[in-house]
N, C-alpha and C. Protein backbone atom coordinates (compact mmCIF):
# COMPACT_ATOMS: atom_id res chain seq x y z
N MET A 1 -7.67 6.75 -22.80
CA MET A 1 -7.70 5.37 -22.33
C MET A 1 -6.28 4.79 -22.41
N THR A 2 -5.89 4.11 -21.39
CA THR A 2 -4.56 3.50 -21.34
C THR A 2 -4.59 2.16 -22.06
N THR A 3 -3.57 1.93 -22.87
CA THR A 3 -3.48 0.68 -23.63
C THR A 3 -2.50 -0.28 -22.96
N ARG A 4 -2.52 -1.54 -23.40
CA ARG A 4 -1.57 -2.53 -22.90
C ARG A 4 -0.14 -2.06 -23.16
N GLU A 5 0.09 -1.49 -24.32
CA GLU A 5 1.44 -1.01 -24.67
C GLU A 5 1.89 0.09 -23.72
N ASP A 6 0.97 1.00 -23.37
CA ASP A 6 1.30 2.07 -22.41
C ASP A 6 1.71 1.47 -21.06
N LEU A 7 0.95 0.49 -20.62
CA LEU A 7 1.23 -0.13 -19.32
C LEU A 7 2.52 -0.94 -19.36
N GLU A 8 2.74 -1.68 -20.44
CA GLU A 8 3.95 -2.49 -20.56
C GLU A 8 5.21 -1.63 -20.53
N ALA A 9 5.10 -0.38 -20.93
CA ALA A 9 6.25 0.52 -20.96
C ALA A 9 6.61 1.06 -19.57
N LEU A 10 5.73 0.90 -18.60
CA LEU A 10 5.97 1.43 -17.26
C LEU A 10 6.88 0.51 -16.47
N PRO A 11 7.63 1.09 -15.52
CA PRO A 11 8.44 0.26 -14.62
C PRO A 11 7.54 -0.60 -13.73
N THR A 12 8.05 -1.73 -13.30
CA THR A 12 7.29 -2.65 -12.47
C THR A 12 6.77 -1.98 -11.20
N LYS A 13 7.58 -1.17 -10.57
CA LYS A 13 7.18 -0.49 -9.33
C LYS A 13 5.94 0.36 -9.58
N GLU A 14 5.89 1.07 -10.70
CA GLU A 14 4.73 1.91 -10.99
C GLU A 14 3.49 1.07 -11.29
N LEU A 15 3.67 -0.04 -12.01
CA LEU A 15 2.54 -0.94 -12.26
C LEU A 15 1.98 -1.46 -10.94
N TYR A 16 2.88 -1.91 -10.06
CA TYR A 16 2.47 -2.42 -8.76
C TYR A 16 1.71 -1.33 -7.99
N ASP A 17 2.28 -0.14 -7.92
CA ASP A 17 1.64 0.96 -7.19
C ASP A 17 0.26 1.27 -7.74
N ARG A 18 0.15 1.34 -9.06
CA ARG A 18 -1.15 1.64 -9.67
C ARG A 18 -2.16 0.53 -9.40
N ALA A 19 -1.74 -0.71 -9.51
CA ALA A 19 -2.66 -1.83 -9.27
C ALA A 19 -3.11 -1.84 -7.81
N ILE A 20 -2.18 -1.65 -6.89
CA ILE A 20 -2.52 -1.63 -5.47
C ILE A 20 -3.44 -0.46 -5.16
N ASP A 21 -3.14 0.73 -5.71
CA ASP A 21 -4.00 1.90 -5.48
C ASP A 21 -5.40 1.68 -6.04
N THR A 22 -5.48 1.09 -7.22
CA THR A 22 -6.78 0.82 -7.83
C THR A 22 -7.57 -0.18 -6.99
N ALA A 23 -6.92 -1.24 -6.55
CA ALA A 23 -7.59 -2.24 -5.72
C ALA A 23 -8.03 -1.64 -4.39
N LYS A 24 -7.19 -0.80 -3.82
CA LYS A 24 -7.53 -0.14 -2.56
C LYS A 24 -8.75 0.77 -2.74
N HIS A 25 -8.74 1.54 -3.82
CA HIS A 25 -9.84 2.45 -4.10
C HIS A 25 -11.15 1.69 -4.34
N ARG A 26 -11.06 0.53 -4.98
CA ARG A 26 -12.23 -0.27 -5.31
C ARG A 26 -12.62 -1.24 -4.18
N PHE A 27 -11.85 -1.24 -3.10
CA PHE A 27 -12.06 -2.21 -2.02
C PHE A 27 -12.07 -3.63 -2.59
N ASP A 28 -11.13 -3.89 -3.48
CA ASP A 28 -11.08 -5.15 -4.22
C ASP A 28 -10.21 -6.16 -3.49
N VAL A 29 -10.78 -6.79 -2.48
CA VAL A 29 -10.07 -7.79 -1.69
C VAL A 29 -9.70 -8.99 -2.57
N GLY A 30 -10.51 -9.25 -3.58
CA GLY A 30 -10.24 -10.36 -4.49
C GLY A 30 -8.90 -10.23 -5.19
N PHE A 31 -8.53 -9.00 -5.58
CA PHE A 31 -7.24 -8.80 -6.22
C PHE A 31 -6.10 -9.14 -5.26
N TYR A 32 -6.20 -8.67 -4.03
CA TYR A 32 -5.17 -8.98 -3.04
C TYR A 32 -5.08 -10.49 -2.81
N TRP A 33 -6.20 -11.15 -2.74
CA TRP A 33 -6.22 -12.60 -2.54
C TRP A 33 -5.56 -13.30 -3.73
N ASP A 34 -5.92 -12.87 -4.95
CA ASP A 34 -5.31 -13.46 -6.15
C ASP A 34 -3.80 -13.23 -6.16
N LEU A 35 -3.38 -12.05 -5.75
CA LEU A 35 -1.96 -11.74 -5.71
C LEU A 35 -1.23 -12.61 -4.67
N LEU A 36 -1.85 -12.77 -3.51
CA LEU A 36 -1.24 -13.64 -2.48
C LEU A 36 -1.12 -15.07 -2.97
N LYS A 37 -2.14 -15.56 -3.69
CA LYS A 37 -2.08 -16.92 -4.23
C LYS A 37 -1.02 -17.04 -5.32
N ALA A 38 -0.78 -15.96 -6.05
CA ALA A 38 0.19 -16.00 -7.16
C ALA A 38 1.64 -15.92 -6.68
N LEU A 39 1.87 -15.38 -5.50
CA LEU A 39 3.26 -15.19 -5.03
C LEU A 39 4.08 -16.48 -5.00
N PRO A 40 3.61 -17.56 -4.38
CA PRO A 40 4.43 -18.78 -4.36
C PRO A 40 4.69 -19.33 -5.77
N VAL A 41 3.71 -19.20 -6.64
CA VAL A 41 3.88 -19.67 -8.02
C VAL A 41 4.94 -18.82 -8.73
N ALA A 42 4.86 -17.50 -8.56
CA ALA A 42 5.84 -16.61 -9.18
C ALA A 42 7.25 -16.88 -8.64
N GLU A 43 7.35 -17.15 -7.36
CA GLU A 43 8.65 -17.47 -6.77
C GLU A 43 9.20 -18.77 -7.35
N GLU A 44 8.34 -19.72 -7.57
CA GLU A 44 8.76 -20.99 -8.18
C GLU A 44 9.22 -20.75 -9.61
N VAL A 45 8.51 -19.90 -10.34
CA VAL A 45 8.86 -19.58 -11.73
C VAL A 45 10.24 -18.94 -11.82
N ILE A 46 10.57 -18.07 -10.86
CA ILE A 46 11.88 -17.41 -10.91
C ILE A 46 12.99 -18.26 -10.29
N GLY A 47 12.64 -19.47 -9.86
CA GLY A 47 13.65 -20.39 -9.34
C GLY A 47 13.91 -20.30 -7.86
N ASP A 48 13.05 -19.61 -7.14
CA ASP A 48 13.22 -19.46 -5.70
C ASP A 48 12.27 -20.42 -4.98
N ASP A 49 12.47 -21.72 -5.20
CA ASP A 49 11.53 -22.70 -4.67
C ASP A 49 11.55 -22.79 -3.14
N GLU A 50 12.68 -22.51 -2.51
CA GLU A 50 12.73 -22.54 -1.04
C GLU A 50 11.84 -21.44 -0.47
N ARG A 51 11.92 -20.27 -1.06
CA ARG A 51 11.08 -19.16 -0.61
C ARG A 51 9.60 -19.47 -0.86
N SER A 52 9.32 -20.11 -1.97
CA SER A 52 7.95 -20.50 -2.29
C SER A 52 7.41 -21.45 -1.23
N LYS A 53 8.21 -22.43 -0.84
CA LYS A 53 7.78 -23.39 0.19
C LYS A 53 7.58 -22.70 1.53
N THR A 54 8.44 -21.74 1.85
CA THR A 54 8.30 -20.98 3.10
C THR A 54 6.99 -20.20 3.10
N ASP A 55 6.67 -19.58 1.96
CA ASP A 55 5.43 -18.82 1.88
C ASP A 55 4.21 -19.69 2.09
N ILE A 56 4.25 -20.89 1.60
CA ILE A 56 3.12 -21.80 1.75
C ILE A 56 2.97 -22.22 3.21
N ARG A 57 4.09 -22.42 3.90
CA ARG A 57 4.05 -22.86 5.30
C ARG A 57 3.80 -21.72 6.27
N ARG A 58 4.25 -20.50 5.92
CA ARG A 58 4.17 -19.37 6.85
C ARG A 58 3.48 -18.18 6.19
N PRO A 59 2.21 -17.99 6.49
CA PRO A 59 1.47 -16.88 5.86
C PRO A 59 2.09 -15.50 6.10
N LEU A 60 2.75 -15.30 7.22
CA LEU A 60 3.38 -14.01 7.48
C LEU A 60 4.49 -13.74 6.46
N ALA A 61 5.23 -14.77 6.08
CA ALA A 61 6.26 -14.61 5.05
C ALA A 61 5.62 -14.23 3.72
N LEU A 62 4.47 -14.77 3.44
CA LEU A 62 3.74 -14.46 2.21
C LEU A 62 3.33 -12.99 2.20
N LEU A 63 2.80 -12.50 3.31
CA LEU A 63 2.43 -11.09 3.41
C LEU A 63 3.65 -10.19 3.30
N ASN A 64 4.75 -10.60 3.89
CA ASN A 64 5.98 -9.84 3.79
C ASN A 64 6.42 -9.70 2.33
N ASP A 65 6.33 -10.79 1.59
CA ASP A 65 6.69 -10.74 0.17
C ASP A 65 5.77 -9.80 -0.61
N LEU A 66 4.48 -9.81 -0.28
CA LEU A 66 3.53 -8.92 -0.94
C LEU A 66 3.88 -7.47 -0.68
N LEU A 67 4.18 -7.16 0.57
CA LEU A 67 4.43 -5.77 0.94
C LEU A 67 5.80 -5.25 0.53
N TYR A 68 6.81 -6.11 0.47
CA TYR A 68 8.17 -5.62 0.27
C TYR A 68 8.87 -6.10 -0.99
N ASP A 69 8.39 -7.16 -1.64
CA ASP A 69 9.13 -7.70 -2.77
C ASP A 69 8.34 -7.81 -4.06
N ALA A 70 7.02 -7.65 -4.00
CA ALA A 70 6.20 -7.87 -5.19
C ALA A 70 6.24 -6.70 -6.17
N ASP A 71 6.98 -5.67 -5.85
CA ASP A 71 7.02 -4.50 -6.72
C ASP A 71 8.35 -4.32 -7.46
N SER A 72 9.28 -5.24 -7.28
CA SER A 72 10.59 -5.05 -7.92
C SER A 72 11.32 -6.38 -8.06
N GLY A 73 12.44 -6.33 -8.72
CA GLY A 73 13.29 -7.50 -8.87
C GLY A 73 12.61 -8.60 -9.67
N PRO A 74 13.17 -9.79 -9.62
CA PRO A 74 12.61 -10.91 -10.39
C PRO A 74 11.17 -11.24 -10.01
N LEU A 75 10.83 -11.12 -8.73
CA LEU A 75 9.46 -11.42 -8.31
C LEU A 75 8.49 -10.41 -8.90
N GLY A 76 8.83 -9.15 -8.84
CA GLY A 76 7.98 -8.12 -9.45
C GLY A 76 7.81 -8.34 -10.93
N GLU A 77 8.90 -8.71 -11.61
CA GLU A 77 8.84 -8.97 -13.05
C GLU A 77 7.92 -10.15 -13.35
N ALA A 78 7.96 -11.18 -12.51
CA ALA A 78 7.11 -12.35 -12.72
C ALA A 78 5.63 -12.00 -12.53
N LEU A 79 5.35 -10.99 -11.72
CA LEU A 79 3.97 -10.60 -11.43
C LEU A 79 3.45 -9.49 -12.35
N ARG A 80 4.32 -8.90 -13.18
CA ARG A 80 3.93 -7.80 -14.08
C ARG A 80 2.67 -8.08 -14.88
N PRO A 81 2.56 -9.26 -15.50
CA PRO A 81 1.36 -9.51 -16.31
C PRO A 81 0.06 -9.41 -15.49
N MET A 82 0.13 -9.79 -14.24
CA MET A 82 -1.03 -9.70 -13.37
C MET A 82 -1.42 -8.24 -13.14
N TYR A 83 -0.43 -7.38 -12.93
CA TYR A 83 -0.70 -5.96 -12.71
C TYR A 83 -1.28 -5.33 -13.97
N VAL A 84 -0.68 -5.64 -15.11
CA VAL A 84 -1.15 -5.07 -16.38
C VAL A 84 -2.59 -5.51 -16.64
N ASP A 85 -2.87 -6.80 -16.50
CA ASP A 85 -4.22 -7.30 -16.75
C ASP A 85 -5.24 -6.65 -15.82
N TYR A 86 -4.87 -6.51 -14.55
CA TYR A 86 -5.79 -5.90 -13.59
C TYR A 86 -6.08 -4.45 -13.96
N LEU A 87 -5.04 -3.72 -14.31
CA LEU A 87 -5.22 -2.31 -14.66
C LEU A 87 -6.03 -2.15 -15.95
N LEU A 88 -5.84 -3.03 -16.90
CA LEU A 88 -6.64 -2.96 -18.13
C LEU A 88 -8.11 -3.27 -17.84
N GLU A 89 -8.34 -4.23 -16.97
CA GLU A 89 -9.71 -4.62 -16.64
C GLU A 89 -10.44 -3.56 -15.83
N HIS A 90 -9.72 -2.89 -14.94
CA HIS A 90 -10.37 -1.96 -14.01
C HIS A 90 -10.03 -0.50 -14.25
N GLY A 91 -9.40 -0.22 -15.35
CA GLY A 91 -9.11 1.18 -15.67
C GLY A 91 -7.84 1.65 -15.01
N ALA A 92 -6.82 1.81 -15.81
CA ALA A 92 -5.53 2.27 -15.29
C ALA A 92 -5.54 3.78 -15.23
N ALA A 93 -5.67 4.30 -14.03
CA ALA A 93 -5.68 5.75 -13.86
C ALA A 93 -4.29 6.31 -14.08
N PRO A 94 -4.21 7.53 -14.61
CA PRO A 94 -2.90 8.16 -14.72
C PRO A 94 -2.25 8.26 -13.35
N GLU A 95 -0.94 8.31 -13.32
CA GLU A 95 -0.19 8.30 -12.05
C GLU A 95 -0.68 9.37 -11.09
N SER A 96 -0.90 10.57 -11.56
CA SER A 96 -1.26 11.66 -10.67
C SER A 96 -2.69 11.54 -10.15
N ASP A 97 -3.52 10.70 -10.78
CA ASP A 97 -4.92 10.61 -10.41
C ASP A 97 -5.32 9.18 -10.05
N ALA A 98 -4.35 8.34 -9.70
CA ALA A 98 -4.62 6.91 -9.48
C ALA A 98 -5.60 6.66 -8.34
N ARG A 99 -5.69 7.54 -7.38
CA ARG A 99 -6.54 7.29 -6.22
C ARG A 99 -7.97 7.80 -6.38
N GLY A 100 -8.22 8.73 -7.29
CA GLY A 100 -9.54 9.32 -7.31
C GLY A 100 -10.25 9.29 -8.64
N SER A 101 -9.76 8.61 -9.64
CA SER A 101 -10.35 8.70 -10.96
C SER A 101 -11.53 7.78 -11.19
N ASP A 102 -11.73 6.78 -10.34
CA ASP A 102 -12.76 5.79 -10.60
C ASP A 102 -13.82 5.80 -9.49
N ALA A 103 -14.09 6.95 -8.94
CA ALA A 103 -15.02 7.02 -7.81
C ALA A 103 -16.43 6.67 -8.25
N ALA A 104 -17.05 5.79 -7.52
CA ALA A 104 -18.41 5.38 -7.82
C ALA A 104 -19.34 6.55 -7.59
N GLY A 105 -20.18 6.80 -8.59
CA GLY A 105 -21.17 7.86 -8.45
C GLY A 105 -20.62 9.25 -8.67
N ALA A 106 -19.35 9.39 -8.98
CA ALA A 106 -18.78 10.71 -9.21
C ALA A 106 -19.22 11.21 -10.56
N GLY A 107 -19.62 12.44 -10.62
CA GLY A 107 -20.08 13.03 -11.88
C GLY A 107 -18.90 13.52 -12.69
N ASP A 108 -19.11 13.67 -13.99
CA ASP A 108 -18.07 14.21 -14.87
C ASP A 108 -18.11 15.71 -14.81
N ASP A 109 -16.97 16.32 -14.83
CA ASP A 109 -16.87 17.77 -14.90
C ASP A 109 -16.84 18.14 -16.37
N ALA A 110 -17.98 18.53 -16.90
CA ALA A 110 -18.02 18.86 -18.33
C ALA A 110 -18.27 20.31 -18.53
């Protein structure tokens, strides 16, 4: 089982990738929606209020930030707690097995 300490030790890019892969595997649209709502707030927290205002006015800019900036730099760092919490709640799969470890109805190989 992955602990908070294990996740906190990972680079932001890996946390982002694992959270996105987990949400994709779970068809968890709610996580994507929560992340989109958090982007303008995170931008405001890091002092990029102009970008935050642009995201609120232009949804395409918001999607662009999700796809290209939410995994690194100050914005990624501001969103790290969200990735860690999501992975703890939904099971943080090891890097090599992030896409297939939580399959619904999959039996254990014992």
